């Protein structure tokens, strides 16, 4: 963390903790930072696991508009500047954001957007929970030599808690993730972890140590960067297969933008107001699994014409036939009266 991200404070000002995957730590951070009468800012479409993790807190979720480049800082500033604090309603306590290869939309925030959002956090006094499991999987790094920044490296006021994970660049089942943040925050997080899971899995950490030690050591990080580049290229190559299949089968039926990294394609179905019933039909009758856009919405009652396709696990030879099946099912479904 210290070598990949430049934190603008002394080593003594921040701390690091390992947990049973970043999801476990995320839920505990929500418990620490938020109270039931607080408001949490999130992308208008965000990680469904985060929505599930924050639900028990009982706070209000406020979706921030997005565009093809991720969370829109202009829209965020307008929301904050016109925020109604009447009847005891407080300003937002925190922002939860996935800045790179966002789940589900695949968008990545530029350095300029991160800087603007961080400035708003300082002005309006909220915490940024930076969930960044796809940091190493940004396709833009294959095309653009610009050095990327993070909210963590911008954090001159110590209001950022950063989460990362090994799940996307090793294997999901090991459940090894970590959090970094101001010392007092991580201290509270460690108490919470000790009272619950007690610690991260020692066996999983030992396996990860043995895997990573030859790649990432004090004398050279060459092996680590080679490993990360291989994983990134694997995902990028899969996206190219998905992209070709989408162009072939879904042109005229759907709209999409190329993801900026990661493993998700965010598809807008043109002839449906809401995708939930279609996704159910697609799975039950055609055996193709997607996730409806409504599952990622900050508003549980919102309709969404989107679906999320994941191409991380699917055999590459199955991608094109699956998208062809999706397209055929969509044509059939859209032609049925009263379904759209």
C-alpha atoms as a PDB file:
ATOM      1  CA  UNK A   1       0.000   0.000   0.000  1.00  0.00           C
ATOM      2  CA  UNK A   2       2.774   2.428   0.924  1.00  0.00           C
ATOM      3  CA  UNK A   3       4.639   1.852  -2.337  1.00  0.00           C
ATOM      4  CA  UNK A   4       1.681   1.712  -4.729  1.00  0.00           C
ATOM      5  CA  UNK A   5      -0.188   4.689  -3.245  1.00  0.00           C
ATOM      6  CA  UNK A   6       1.426   7.823  -1.837  1.00  0.00           C
ATOM      7  CA  UNK A   7      -0.393   8.659   1.400  1.00  0.00           C
ATOM      8  CA  UNK A   8       0.070  12.333   2.370  1.00  0.00           C
ATOM      9  CA  UNK A   9       0.730  11.630   6.059  1.00  0.00           C
ATOM     10  CA  UNK A  10       3.421   9.989   8.142  1.00  0.00           C
ATOM     11  CA  UNK A  11       3.353   6.212   8.580  1.00  0.00           C
ATOM     12  CA  UNK A  12       2.336   6.733  12.208  1.00  0.00           C
ATOM     13  CA  UNK A  13      -0.934   8.417  11.110  1.00  0.00           C
ATOM     14  CA  UNK A  14      -2.533   5.417   9.402  1.00  0.00           C
ATOM     15  CA  UNK A  15      -3.078   1.740  10.019  1.00  0.00           C
ATOM     16  CA  UNK A  16      -3.771  -1.439   8.071  1.00  0.00           C
ATOM     17  CA  UNK A  17      -5.952  -4.441   8.890  1.00  0.00           C
ATOM     18  CA  UNK A  18      -6.617  -7.768   7.157  1.00  0.00           C
ATOM     19  CA  UNK A  19     -10.058  -9.375   7.279  1.00  0.00           C
ATOM     20  CA  UNK A  20     -12.096 -12.214   5.819  1.00  0.00           C
ATOM     21  CA  UNK A  21     -12.457 -10.525   2.460  1.00  0.00           C
ATOM     22  CA  UNK A  22     -13.149  -6.839   1.974  1.00  0.00           C
ATOM     23  CA  UNK A  23     -16.916  -7.476   2.163  1.00  0.00           C
ATOM     24  CA  UNK A  24     -16.657  -8.406   5.843  1.00  0.00           C
ATOM     25  CA  UNK A  25     -14.609  -5.296   6.566  1.00  0.00           C
ATOM     26  CA  UNK A  26     -17.023  -3.135   4.559  1.00  0.00           C
ATOM     27  CA  UNK A  27     -19.980  -4.211   6.669  1.00  0.00           C
ATOM     28  CA  UNK A  28     -18.034  -3.437   9.843  1.00  0.00           C
ATOM     29  CA  UNK A  29     -17.025  -0.010   8.519  1.00  0.00           C
ATOM     30  CA  UNK A  30     -20.673   0.792   7.815  1.00  0.00           C
ATOM     31  CA  UNK A  31     -21.508  -0.213  11.392  1.00  0.00           C
ATOM     32  CA  UNK A  32     -18.775   2.035  12.773  1.00  0.00           C
ATOM     33  CA  UNK A  33     -19.329   5.118  10.616  1.00  0.00           C
ATOM     34  CA  UNK A  34     -23.120   5.198  10.214  1.00  0.00           C
ATOM     35  CA  UNK A  35     -26.152   5.526  12.499  1.00  0.00           C
ATOM     36  CA  UNK A  36     -29.808   4.860  11.616  1.00  0.00           C
ATOM     37  CA  UNK A  37     -30.627   8.552  11.129  1.00  0.00           C
ATOM     38  CA  UNK A  38     -27.639   9.185   8.831  1.00  0.00           C
ATOM     39  CA  UNK A  39     -27.577   9.456   5.040  1.00  0.00           C
ATOM     40  CA  UNK A  40     -25.104   7.493   2.907  1.00  0.00           C
ATOM     41  CA  UNK A  41     -24.297   8.718  -0.597  1.00  0.00           C
ATOM     42  CA  UNK A  42     -23.840   5.959  -3.196  1.00  0.00           C
ATOM     43  CA  UNK A  43     -23.689   5.695  -6.980  1.00  0.00           C
ATOM     44  CA  UNK A  44     -27.230   5.458  -8.368  1.00  0.00           C
ATOM     45  CA  UNK A  45     -26.249   1.910  -9.355  1.00  0.00           C
ATOM     46  CA  UNK A  46     -23.816   0.269  -6.961  1.00  0.00           C
ATOM     47  CA  UNK A  47     -22.536  -3.066  -5.683  1.00  0.00           C
ATOM     48  CA  UNK A  48     -25.463  -5.156  -4.430  1.00  0.00           C
ATOM     49  CA  UNK A  49     -23.292  -6.617  -1.665  1.00  0.00           C
ATOM     50  CA  UNK A  50     -22.734  -3.130  -0.279  1.00  0.00           C
ATOM     51  CA  UNK A  51     -26.481  -2.476  -0.338  1.00  0.00           C
ATOM     52  CA  UNK A  52     -27.005  -5.707   1.615  1.00  0.00           C
ATOM     53  CA  UNK A  53     -24.223  -4.803   4.068  1.00  0.00           C
ATOM     54  CA  UNK A  54     -25.598  -1.351   4.839  1.00  0.00           C
ATOM     55  CA  UNK A  55     -29.257  -2.425   5.068  1.00  0.00           C
ATOM     56  CA  UNK A  56     -29.104  -3.539   8.751  1.00  0.00           C
ATOM     57  CA  UNK A  57     -27.776  -0.106   9.756  1.00  0.00           C
ATOM     58  CA  UNK A  58     -31.089   1.419   8.733  1.00  0.00           C
ATOM     59  CA  UNK A  59     -29.643   4.625   7.319  1.00  0.00           C
ATOM     60  CA  UNK A  60     -30.987   6.405   4.258  1.00  0.00           C
ATOM     61  CA  UNK A  61     -29.359   5.652   0.900  1.00  0.00           C
ATOM     62  CA  UNK A  62     -29.087   8.566  -1.523  1.00  0.00           C
ATOM     63  CA  UNK A  63     -28.187   7.709  -5.112  1.00  0.00           C
ATOM     64  CA  UNK A  64     -25.920  10.112  -6.992  1.00  0.00           C
ATOM     65  CA  UNK A  65     -26.395  10.358 -10.791  1.00  0.00           C
ATOM     66  CA  UNK A  66     -23.796   8.689 -13.001  1.00  0.00           C
ATOM     67  CA  UNK A  67     -22.732   8.948 -16.616  1.00  0.00           C
ATOM     68  CA  UNK A  68     -20.396   6.894 -18.788  1.00  0.00           C
ATOM     69  CA  UNK A  69     -17.444   8.171 -16.726  1.00  0.00           C
ATOM     70  CA  UNK A  70     -18.861   7.192 -13.327  1.00  0.00           C
ATOM     71  CA  UNK A  71     -20.230   9.275 -10.469  1.00  0.00           C
ATOM     72  CA  UNK A  72     -20.968  12.804 -11.688  1.00  0.00           C
ATOM     73  CA  UNK A  73     -19.295  15.381  -9.389  1.00  0.00           C
ATOM     74  CA  UNK A  74     -21.379  18.224 -10.852  1.00  0.00           C
ATOM     75  CA  UNK A  75     -24.577  16.395  -9.912  1.00  0.00           C
ATOM     76  CA  UNK A  76     -23.113  15.589  -6.488  1.00  0.00           C
ATOM     77  CA  UNK A  77     -22.242  19.229  -5.851  1.00  0.00           C
ATOM     78  CA  UNK A  78     -25.749  20.309  -6.835  1.00  0.00           C
ATOM     79  CA  UNK A  79     -27.270  17.737  -4.469  1.00  0.00           C
ATOM     80  CA  UNK A  80     -25.079  18.868  -1.588  1.00  0.00           C
ATOM     81  CA  UNK A  81     -25.537  22.595  -2.210  1.00  0.00           C
ATOM     82  CA  UNK A  82     -29.341  22.217  -2.249  1.00  0.00           C
ATOM     83  CA  UNK A  83     -29.538  19.674   0.574  1.00  0.00           C
ATOM     84  CA  UNK A  84     -32.530  20.284   2.848  1.00  0.00           C
ATOM     85  CA  UNK A  85     -31.578  20.115   6.526  1.00  0.00           C
ATOM     86  CA  UNK A  86     -35.046  20.912   7.848  1.00  0.00           C
ATOM     87  CA  UNK A  87     -36.874  18.668  10.343  1.00  0.00           C
ATOM     88  CA  UNK A  88     -33.622  17.426  11.828  1.00  0.00           C
ATOM     89  CA  UNK A  89     -32.312  16.001   8.553  1.00  0.00           C
ATOM     90  CA  UNK A  90     -28.518  16.030   8.583  1.00  0.00           C
ATOM     91  CA  UNK A  91     -26.012  16.396   5.788  1.00  0.00           C
ATOM     92  CA  UNK A  92     -24.654  13.079   4.433  1.00  0.00           C
ATOM     93  CA  UNK A  93     -22.252  11.282   6.742  1.00  0.00           C
ATOM     94  CA  UNK A  94     -20.340   9.346   4.074  1.00  0.00           C
ATOM     95  CA  UNK A  95     -19.939   8.449   0.406  1.00  0.00           C
ATOM     96  CA  UNK A  96     -19.487   4.822  -0.641  1.00  0.00           C
ATOM     97  CA  UNK A  97     -17.796   4.580  -4.032  1.00  0.00           C
ATOM     98  CA  UNK A  98     -16.118   1.988  -6.269  1.00  0.00           C
ATOM     99  CA  UNK A  99     -13.738   4.196  -8.263  1.00  0.00           C
ATOM    100  CA  UNK A 100     -12.250   1.690 -10.729  1.00  0.00           C
ATOM    101  CA  UNK A 101     -14.155  -0.709 -13.019  1.00  0.00           C
ATOM    102  CA  UNK A 102     -17.257  -0.017 -10.975  1.00  0.00           C
ATOM    103  CA  UNK A 103     -19.617  -2.867 -10.166  1.00  0.00           C
ATOM    104  CA  UNK A 104     -22.011  -3.030 -12.023  1.00  0.00           C
ATOM    105  CA  UNK A 105     -21.398  -0.332 -14.658  1.00  0.00           C
ATOM    106  CA  UNK A 106     -17.689  -0.876 -15.427  1.00  0.00           C
ATOM    107  CA  UNK A 107     -16.975   2.874 -15.226  1.00  0.00           C
ATOM    108  CA  UNK A 108     -13.748   4.337 -13.792  1.00  0.00           C
ATOM    109  CA  UNK A 109     -13.362   7.774 -12.258  1.00  0.00           C
ATOM    110  CA  UNK A 110     -10.701  10.029 -13.747  1.00  0.00           C
ATOM    111  CA  UNK A 111      -8.092  11.725 -11.583  1.00  0.00           C
ATOM    112  CA  UNK A 112      -9.953  15.014 -12.126  1.00  0.00           C
ATOM    113  CA  UNK A 113     -13.266  13.579 -10.901  1.00  0.00           C
ATOM    114  CA  UNK A 114     -11.630  12.037  -7.849  1.00  0.00           C
ATOM    115  CA  UNK A 115     -10.047  15.365  -6.965  1.00  0.00           C
ATOM    116  CA  UNK A 116     -13.363  17.213  -7.316  1.00  0.00           C
ATOM    117  CA  UNK A 117     -15.259  14.621  -5.268  1.00  0.00           C
ATOM    118  CA  UNK A 118     -12.612  14.727  -2.549  1.00  0.00           C
ATOM    119  CA  UNK A 119     -12.848  18.534  -2.425  1.00  0.00           C
ATOM    120  CA  UNK A 120     -16.613  18.197  -1.949  1.00  0.00           C
ATOM    121  CA  UNK A 121     -16.001  15.751   0.902  1.00  0.00           C
ATOM    122  CA  UNK A 122     -13.828  18.359   2.602  1.00  0.00           C
ATOM    123  CA  UNK A 123     -16.300  21.185   1.974  1.00  0.00           C
ATOM    124  CA  UNK A 124     -19.360  19.245   3.162  1.00  0.00           C
ATOM    125  CA  UNK A 125     -17.545  17.174   5.791  1.00  0.00           C
ATOM    126  CA  UNK A 126     -18.290  13.569   4.837  1.00  0.00           C
ATOM    127  CA  UNK A 127     -16.217  10.387   4.887  1.00  0.00           C
ATOM    128  CA  UNK A 128     -15.247   8.572   1.672  1.00  0.00           C
ATOM    129  CA  UNK A 129     -15.375   4.779   1.799  1.00  0.00           C
ATOM    130  CA  UNK A 130     -13.209   3.826  -1.185  1.00  0.00           C
ATOM    131  CA  UNK A 131     -13.936   0.215  -2.167  1.00  0.00           C
ATOM    132  CA  UNK A 132     -11.337  -0.604  -4.825  1.00  0.00           C
ATOM    133  CA  UNK A 133     -11.077  -4.377  -5.502  1.00  0.00           C
ATOM    134  CA  UNK A 134     -10.565  -3.730  -9.232  1.00  0.00           C
ATOM    135  CA  UNK A 135      -7.681  -1.273  -8.863  1.00  0.00           C
ATOM    136  CA  UNK A 136      -5.323  -3.633 -10.698  1.00  0.00           C
ATOM    137  CA  UNK A 137      -7.838  -4.430 -13.451  1.00  0.00           C
ATOM    138  CA  UNK A 138      -8.259  -1.038 -15.137  1.00  0.00           C
ATOM    139  CA  UNK A 139      -8.133  -1.524 -18.916  1.00  0.00           C
ATOM    140  CA  UNK A 140      -7.201   2.137 -19.414  1.00  0.00           C
ATOM    141  CA  UNK A 141      -3.750   1.373 -18.074  1.00  0.00           C
ATOM    142  CA  UNK A 142      -3.219  -0.756 -21.187  1.00  0.00           C
ATOM    143  CA  UNK A 143      -3.920   2.290 -23.372  1.00  0.00           C
ATOM    144  CA  UNK A 144      -2.949   5.370 -21.349  1.00  0.00           C
ATOM    145  CA  UNK A 145       0.299   6.174 -19.568  1.00  0.00           C
ATOM    146  CA  UNK A 146      -1.311   8.656 -17.148  1.00  0.00           C
ATOM    147  CA  UNK A 147      -0.435   7.871 -13.539  1.00  0.00           C
ATOM    148  CA  UNK A 148      -3.670   7.130 -11.694  1.00  0.00           C
ATOM    149  CA  UNK A 149      -4.468   8.547  -8.297  1.00  0.00           C
ATOM    150  CA  UNK A 150      -6.764   7.329  -5.517  1.00  0.00           C
ATOM    151  CA  UNK A 151      -8.925   9.007  -2.899  1.00  0.00           C
ATOM    152  CA  UNK A 152      -6.445   7.513  -0.416  1.00  0.00           C
ATOM    153  CA  UNK A 153      -3.533   9.404  -1.976  1.00  0.00           C
ATOM    154  CA  UNK A 154      -5.579  12.638  -2.010  1.00  0.00           C
ATOM    155  CA  UNK A 155      -6.546  12.347   1.655  1.00  0.00           C
ATOM    156  CA  UNK A 156      -4.922  15.410   3.242  1.00  0.00           C
ATOM    157  CA  UNK A 157      -7.723  15.628   5.852  1.00  0.00           C
ATOM    158  CA  UNK A 158      -7.789  11.927   6.803  1.00  0.00           C
ATOM    159  CA  UNK A 159     -11.396  11.281   5.818  1.00  0.00           C
ATOM    160  CA  UNK A 160     -10.850   8.227   3.536  1.00  0.00           C
ATOM    161  CA  UNK A 161     -11.055   4.545   4.418  1.00  0.00           C
ATOM    162  CA  UNK A 162      -9.713   2.393   1.585  1.00  0.00           C
ATOM    163  CA  UNK A 163     -10.565  -1.259   0.910  1.00  0.00           C
ATOM    164  CA  UNK A 164      -8.740  -3.652  -1.390  1.00  0.00           C
ATOM    165  CA  UNK A 165      -8.881  -7.395  -2.021  1.00  0.00           C
ATOM    166  CA  UNK A 166      -6.911 -10.285  -3.491  1.00  0.00           C
ATOM    167  CA  UNK A 167     -10.094 -12.002  -4.697  1.00  0.00           C
ATOM    168  CA  UNK A 168     -10.027 -10.620  -8.240  1.00  0.00           C
ATOM    169  CA  UNK A 169      -6.336 -11.329  -8.877  1.00  0.00           C
ATOM    170  CA  UNK A 170      -5.929 -14.685  -7.096  1.00  0.00           C
ATOM    171  CA  UNK A 171      -9.082 -16.615  -6.179  1.00  0.00           C
ATOM    172  CA  UNK A 172     -12.360 -15.606  -4.556  1.00  0.00           C
ATOM    173  CA  UNK A 173     -12.462 -18.439  -2.028  1.00  0.00           C
ATOM    174  CA  UNK A 174      -9.389 -17.362  -0.073  1.00  0.00           C
ATOM    175  CA  UNK A 175     -11.320 -14.421   1.457  1.00  0.00           C
ATOM    176  CA  UNK A 176      -8.354 -12.123   2.057  1.00  0.00           C
ATOM    177  CA  UNK A 177      -9.038  -8.403   1.949  1.00  0.00           C
ATOM    178  CA  UNK A 178      -7.759  -5.368   3.815  1.00  0.00           C
ATOM    179  CA  UNK A 179      -8.611  -1.860   4.890  1.00  0.00           C
ATOM    180  CA  UNK A 180      -6.433   1.211   5.420  1.00  0.00           C
ATOM    181  CA  UNK A 181      -7.449   4.371   7.150  1.00  0.00           C
ATOM    182  CA  UNK A 182      -6.729   6.867   9.910  1.00  0.00           C
ATOM    183  CA  UNK A 183      -5.377   5.113  12.977  1.00  0.00           C
ATOM    184  CA  UNK A 184      -8.433   5.758  15.186  1.00  0.00           C
ATOM    185  CA  UNK A 185     -10.820   4.332  12.578  1.00  0.00           C
ATOM    186  CA  UNK A 186      -8.796   1.160  12.021  1.00  0.00           C
ATOM    187  CA  UNK A 187      -8.422   0.743  15.780  1.00  0.00           C
ATOM    188  CA  UNK A 188     -12.214   0.673  16.140  1.00  0.00           C
ATOM    189  CA  UNK A 189     -12.406  -1.686  13.160  1.00  0.00           C
ATOM    190  CA  UNK A 190      -9.927  -4.048  14.829  1.00  0.00           C
ATOM    191  CA  UNK A 191     -12.048  -4.133  18.018  1.00  0.00           C
ATOM    192  CA  UNK A 192     -15.118  -4.953  15.928  1.00  0.00           C
ATOM    193  CA  UNK A 193     -13.252  -7.708  14.075  1.00  0.00           C
ATOM    194  CA  UNK A 194     -11.911  -9.212  17.317  1.00  0.00           C
ATOM    195  CA  UNK A 195     -15.411  -9.256  18.812  1.00  0.00           C
ATOM    196  CA  UNK A 196     -16.856 -11.041  15.792  1.00  0.00           C
ATOM    197  CA  UNK A 197     -14.697 -13.129  13.470  1.00  0.00           C
ATOM    198  CA  UNK A 198     -11.730 -12.657  15.868  1.00  0.00           C
ATOM    199  CA  UNK A 199      -9.324 -12.397  12.906  1.00  0.00           C
ATOM    200  CA  UNK A 200      -8.883 -13.116   9.252  1.00  0.00           C
ATOM    201  CA  UNK A 201      -8.326 -16.787   8.383  1.00  0.00           C
ATOM    202  CA  UNK A 202      -4.760 -17.741   9.287  1.00  0.00           C
ATOM    203  CA  UNK A 203      -4.709 -20.605   6.778  1.00  0.00           C
ATOM    204  CA  UNK A 204      -5.896 -18.386   3.928  1.00  0.00           C
ATOM    205  CA  UNK A 205      -3.328 -15.741   4.830  1.00  0.00           C
ATOM    206  CA  UNK A 206      -0.549 -18.345   4.944  1.00  0.00           C
ATOM    207  CA  UNK A 207      -1.489 -19.617   1.479  1.00  0.00           C
ATOM    208  CA  UNK A 208      -1.541 -16.050   0.154  1.00  0.00           C
ATOM    209  CA  UNK A 209       1.820 -15.329   1.794  1.00  0.00           C
ATOM    210  CA  UNK A 210       3.423 -18.310   0.084  1.00  0.00           C
ATOM    211  CA  UNK A 211       1.899 -17.291  -3.245  1.00  0.00           C
ATOM    212  CA  UNK A 212       2.870 -13.636  -3.058  1.00  0.00           C
ATOM    213  CA  UNK A 213       6.279 -13.751  -1.381  1.00  0.00           C
ATOM    214  CA  UNK A 214       8.154 -14.720  -4.578  1.00  0.00           C
ATOM    215  CA  UNK A 215       6.270 -12.017  -6.510  1.00  0.00           C
ATOM    216  CA  UNK A 216       6.356  -9.119  -4.083  1.00  0.00           C
ATOM    217  CA  UNK A 217       9.426  -8.754  -1.914  1.00  0.00           C
ATOM    218  CA  UNK A 218      11.737  -6.050  -0.607  1.00  0.00           C
ATOM    219  CA  UNK A 219      14.172  -6.252  -3.528  1.00  0.00           C
ATOM    220  CA  UNK A 220      11.823  -6.510  -6.528  1.00  0.00           C
ATOM    221  CA  UNK A 221       8.165  -6.163  -7.484  1.00  0.00           C
ATOM    222  CA  UNK A 222       8.712  -7.341 -11.032  1.00  0.00           C
ATOM    223  CA  UNK A 223       7.012 -10.683 -10.434  1.00  0.00           C
ATOM    224  CA  UNK A 224       3.962  -8.986  -8.911  1.00  0.00           C
ATOM    225  CA  UNK A 225       3.542  -6.558 -11.803  1.00  0.00           C
ATOM    226  CA  UNK A 226       3.941  -9.401 -14.299  1.00  0.00           C
ATOM    227  CA  UNK A 227       1.242 -11.415 -12.511  1.00  0.00           C
ATOM    228  CA  UNK A 228      -1.159  -8.456 -12.355  1.00  0.00           C
ATOM    229  CA  UNK A 229      -0.584  -7.636 -16.029  1.00  0.00           C
ATOM    230  CA  UNK A 230      -1.385 -11.234 -16.985  1.00  0.00           C
ATOM    231  CA  UNK A 231      -4.648 -11.199 -15.025  1.00  0.00           C
ATOM    232  CA  UNK A 232      -5.617  -7.807 -16.446  1.00  0.00           C
ATOM    233  CA  UNK A 233      -4.966  -8.983 -20.001  1.00  0.00           C
ATOM    234  CA  UNK A 234      -7.043 -12.107 -19.377  1.00  0.00           C
ATOM    235  CA  UNK A 235     -10.051  -9.991 -18.422  1.00  0.00           C
ATOM    236  CA  UNK A 236      -9.450  -7.594 -21.299  1.00  0.00           C
ATOM    237  CA  UNK A 237      -9.294 -10.461 -23.808  1.00  0.00           C
ATOM    238  CA  UNK A 238     -12.571 -11.811 -22.423  1.00  0.00           C
ATOM    239  CA  UNK A 239     -14.164  -8.397 -22.836  1.00  0.00           C
ATOM    240  CA  UNK A 240     -13.134  -8.356 -26.516  1.00  0.00           C
ATOM    241  CA  UNK A 241     -15.008 -11.641 -27.017  1.00  0.00           C
ATOM    242  CA  UNK A 242     -18.049 -10.232 -25.192  1.00  0.00           C
ATOM    243  CA  UNK A 243     -17.877  -7.017 -27.222  1.00  0.00           C
ATOM    244  CA  UNK A 244     -17.836  -8.855 -30.535  1.00  0.00           C
ATOM    245  CA  UNK A 245     -20.809 -10.999 -29.485  1.00  0.00           C
ATOM    246  CA  UNK A 246     -22.773  -7.964 -28.303  1.00  0.00           C
ATOM    247  CA  UNK A 247     -22.170  -6.201 -31.609  1.00  0.00           C
ATOM    248  CA  UNK A 248     -23.240  -9.295 -33.535  1.00  0.00           C
ATOM    249  CA  UNK A 249     -26.387 -10.170 -31.599  1.00  0.00           C
ATOM    250  CA  UNK A 250     -27.650  -7.179 -29.584  1.00  0.00           C
ATOM    251  CA  UNK A 251     -27.210  -4.261 -31.976  1.00  0.00           C
ATOM    252  CA  UNK A 252     -30.593  -2.547 -32.183  1.00  0.00           C
ATOM    253  CA  UNK A 253     -31.873  -4.388 -29.118  1.00  0.00           C
ATOM    254  CA  UNK A 254     -29.617  -2.867 -26.466  1.00  0.00           C
ATOM    255  CA  UNK A 255     -27.060  -0.156 -25.724  1.00  0.00           C
ATOM    256  CA  UNK A 256     -23.778  -0.423 -23.839  1.00  0.00           C
ATOM    257  CA  UNK A 257     -20.417   1.227 -23.282  1.00  0.00           C
ATOM    258  CA  UNK A 258     -17.101  -0.563 -23.080  1.00  0.00           C
ATOM    259  CA  UNK A 259     -16.162  -1.141 -19.421  1.00  0.00           C
ATOM    260  CA  UNK A 260     -13.044   0.669 -18.208  1.00  0.00           C
ATOM    261  CA  UNK A 261     -11.818  -2.503 -16.562  1.00  0.00           C
ATOM    262  CA  UNK A 262     -12.907  -5.478 -14.500  1.00  0.00           C
ATOM    263  CA  UNK A 263     -15.372  -8.184 -15.453  1.00  0.00           C
ATOM    264  CA  UNK A 264     -18.805  -6.669 -16.026  1.00  0.00           C
ATOM    265  CA  UNK A 265     -20.772  -5.437 -19.014  1.00  0.00           C
ATOM    266  CA  UNK A 266     -23.650  -3.060 -18.238  1.00  0.00           C
ATOM    267  CA  UNK A 267     -26.385  -3.432 -20.842  1.00  0.00           C
ATOM    268  CA  UNK A 268     -29.469  -1.254 -21.348  1.00  0.00           C
ATOM    269  CA  UNK A 269     -32.336  -3.202 -22.959  1.00  0.00           C
ATOM    270  CA  UNK A 270     -34.097  -0.833 -25.333  1.00  0.00           C
ATOM    271  CA  UNK A 271     -37.581  -2.301 -25.334  1.00  0.00           C
ATOM    272  CA  UNK A 272     -38.143  -2.945 -21.622  1.00  0.00           C
ATOM    273  CA  UNK A 273     -38.927  -0.551 -18.788  1.00  0.00           C
ATOM    274  CA  UNK A 274     -37.723  -3.045 -16.193  1.00  0.00           C
ATOM    275  CA  UNK A 275     -35.554  -6.118 -16.688  1.00  0.00           C
ATOM    276  CA  UNK A 276     -36.446  -8.211 -13.625  1.00  0.00           C
ATOM    277  CA  UNK A 277     -39.129 -10.410 -15.168  1.00  0.00           C
ATOM    278  CA  UNK A 278     -37.043 -10.916 -18.303  1.00  0.00           C
ATOM    279  CA  UNK A 279     -33.972 -11.935 -16.280  1.00  0.00           C
ATOM    280  CA  UNK A 280     -36.069 -14.523 -14.451  1.00  0.00           C
ATOM    281  CA  UNK A 281     -37.414 -15.901 -17.729  1.00  0.00           C
ATOM    282  CA  UNK A 282     -33.922 -15.904 -19.240  1.00  0.00           C
ATOM    283  CA  UNK A 283     -32.591 -18.011 -16.378  1.00  0.00           C
ATOM    284  CA  UNK A 284     -35.508 -20.425 -16.015  1.00  0.00           C
ATOM    285  CA  UNK A 285     -36.245 -21.086 -19.680  1.00  0.00           C
ATOM    286  CA  UNK A 286     -32.941 -20.381 -21.424  1.00  0.00           C
ATOM    287  CA  UNK A 287     -30.348 -21.111 -18.681  1.00  0.00           C
ATOM    288  CA  UNK A 288     -28.466 -17.839 -19.112  1.00  0.00           C
ATOM    289  CA  UNK A 289     -27.755 -16.022 -15.853  1.00  0.00           C
ATOM    290  CA  UNK A 290     -27.647 -12.223 -15.674  1.00  0.00           C
ATOM    291  CA  UNK A 291     -28.505  -9.759 -12.900  1.00  0.00           C
ATOM    292  CA  UNK A 292     -31.290  -7.169 -13.265  1.00  0.00           C
ATOM    293  CA  UNK A 293     -30.299  -3.534 -12.925  1.00  0.00           C
ATOM    294  CA  UNK A 294     -32.794  -2.988 -10.103  1.00  0.00           C
ATOM    295  CA  UNK A 295     -30.644  -5.233  -7.868  1.00  0.00           C
ATOM    296  CA  UNK A 296     -27.980  -2.504  -7.876  1.00  0.00           C
ATOM    297  CA  UNK A 297     -30.254   0.495  -7.379  1.00  0.00           C
ATOM    298  CA  UNK A 298     -30.095   2.696  -4.301  1.00  0.00           C
ATOM    299  CA  UNK A 299     -33.883   2.960  -4.617  1.00  0.00           C
ATOM    300  CA  UNK A 300     -35.455  -0.461  -3.912  1.00  0.00           C
ATOM    301  CA  UNK A 301     -38.624   0.557  -5.764  1.00  0.00           C
ATOM    302  CA  UNK A 302     -36.900   1.809  -8.892  1.00  0.00           C
ATOM    303  CA  UNK A 303     -37.395   0.190 -12.276  1.00  0.00           C
ATOM    304  CA  UNK A 304     -34.368  -0.382 -14.482  1.00  0.00           C
ATOM    305  CA  UNK A 305     -34.019  -1.562 -18.084  1.00  0.00           C
ATOM    306  CA  UNK A 306     -30.402  -2.626 -17.433  1.00  0.00           C
ATOM    307  CA  UNK A 307     -28.816  -6.024 -16.910  1.00  0.00           C
ATOM    308  CA  UNK A 308     -25.304  -6.867 -15.765  1.00  0.00           C
ATOM    309  CA  UNK A 309     -23.309  -9.528 -17.583  1.00  0.00           C
ATOM    310  CA  UNK A 310     -20.319 -11.024 -15.777  1.00  0.00           C
ATOM    311  CA  UNK A 311     -17.561 -12.573 -17.883  1.00  0.00           C
ATOM    312  CA  UNK A 312     -15.114 -13.562 -15.140  1.00  0.00           C
ATOM    313  CA  UNK A 313     -16.053 -17.229 -14.756  1.00  0.00           C
ATOM    314  CA  UNK A 314     -17.740 -18.176 -18.029  1.00  0.00           C
ATOM    315  CA  UNK A 315     -15.800 -20.404 -20.413  1.00  0.00           C
ATOM    316  CA  UNK A 316     -14.737 -18.219 -23.334  1.00  0.00           C
ATOM    317  CA  UNK A 317     -16.280 -20.610 -25.861  1.00  0.00           C
ATOM    318  CA  UNK A 318     -19.658 -20.225 -24.135  1.00  0.00           C
ATOM    319  CA  UNK A 319     -19.775 -16.416 -24.260  1.00  0.00           C
ATOM    320  CA  UNK A 320     -20.978 -15.954 -27.838  1.00  0.00           C
ATOM    321  CA  UNK A 321     -23.670 -18.694 -27.691  1.00  0.00           C
ATOM    322  CA  UNK A 322     -24.938 -17.295 -24.376  1.00  0.00           C
ATOM    323  CA  UNK A 323     -25.293 -13.772 -25.789  1.00  0.00           C
ATOM    324  CA  UNK A 324     -26.955 -15.186 -28.915  1.00  0.00           C
ATOM    325  CA  UNK A 325     -29.446 -16.979 -26.663  1.00  0.00           C
ATOM    326  CA  UNK A 326     -30.008 -13.777 -24.692  1.00  0.00           C
ATOM    327  CA  UNK A 327     -30.740 -11.868 -27.891  1.00  0.00           C
ATOM    328  CA  UNK A 328     -33.165 -14.518 -29.173  1.00  0.00           C
ATOM    329  CA  UNK A 329     -34.969 -14.602 -25.822  1.00  0.00           C
ATOM    330  CA  UNK A 330     -35.181 -10.814 -25.747  1.00  0.00           C
ATOM    331  CA  UNK A 331     -36.744 -10.697 -29.213  1.00  0.00           C
ATOM    332  CA  UNK A 332     -39.311 -13.285 -28.173  1.00  0.00           C
ATOM    333  CA  UNK A 333     -40.004 -11.650 -24.805  1.00  0.00           C
ATOM    334  CA  UNK A 334     -40.324  -8.133 -26.202  1.00  0.00           C
ATOM    335  CA  UNK A 335     -42.919  -9.318 -28.729  1.00  0.00           C
ATOM    336  CA  UNK A 336     -45.202 -10.690 -26.002  1.00  0.00           C
ATOM    337  CA  UNK A 337     -48.005  -8.197 -25.150  1.00  0.00           C
ATOM    338  CA  UNK A 338     -47.889  -6.461 -21.755  1.00  0.00           C
ATOM    339  CA  UNK A 339     -44.336  -7.631 -20.970  1.00  0.00           C
ATOM    340  CA  UNK A 340     -42.520  -4.319 -21.497  1.00  0.00           C
END
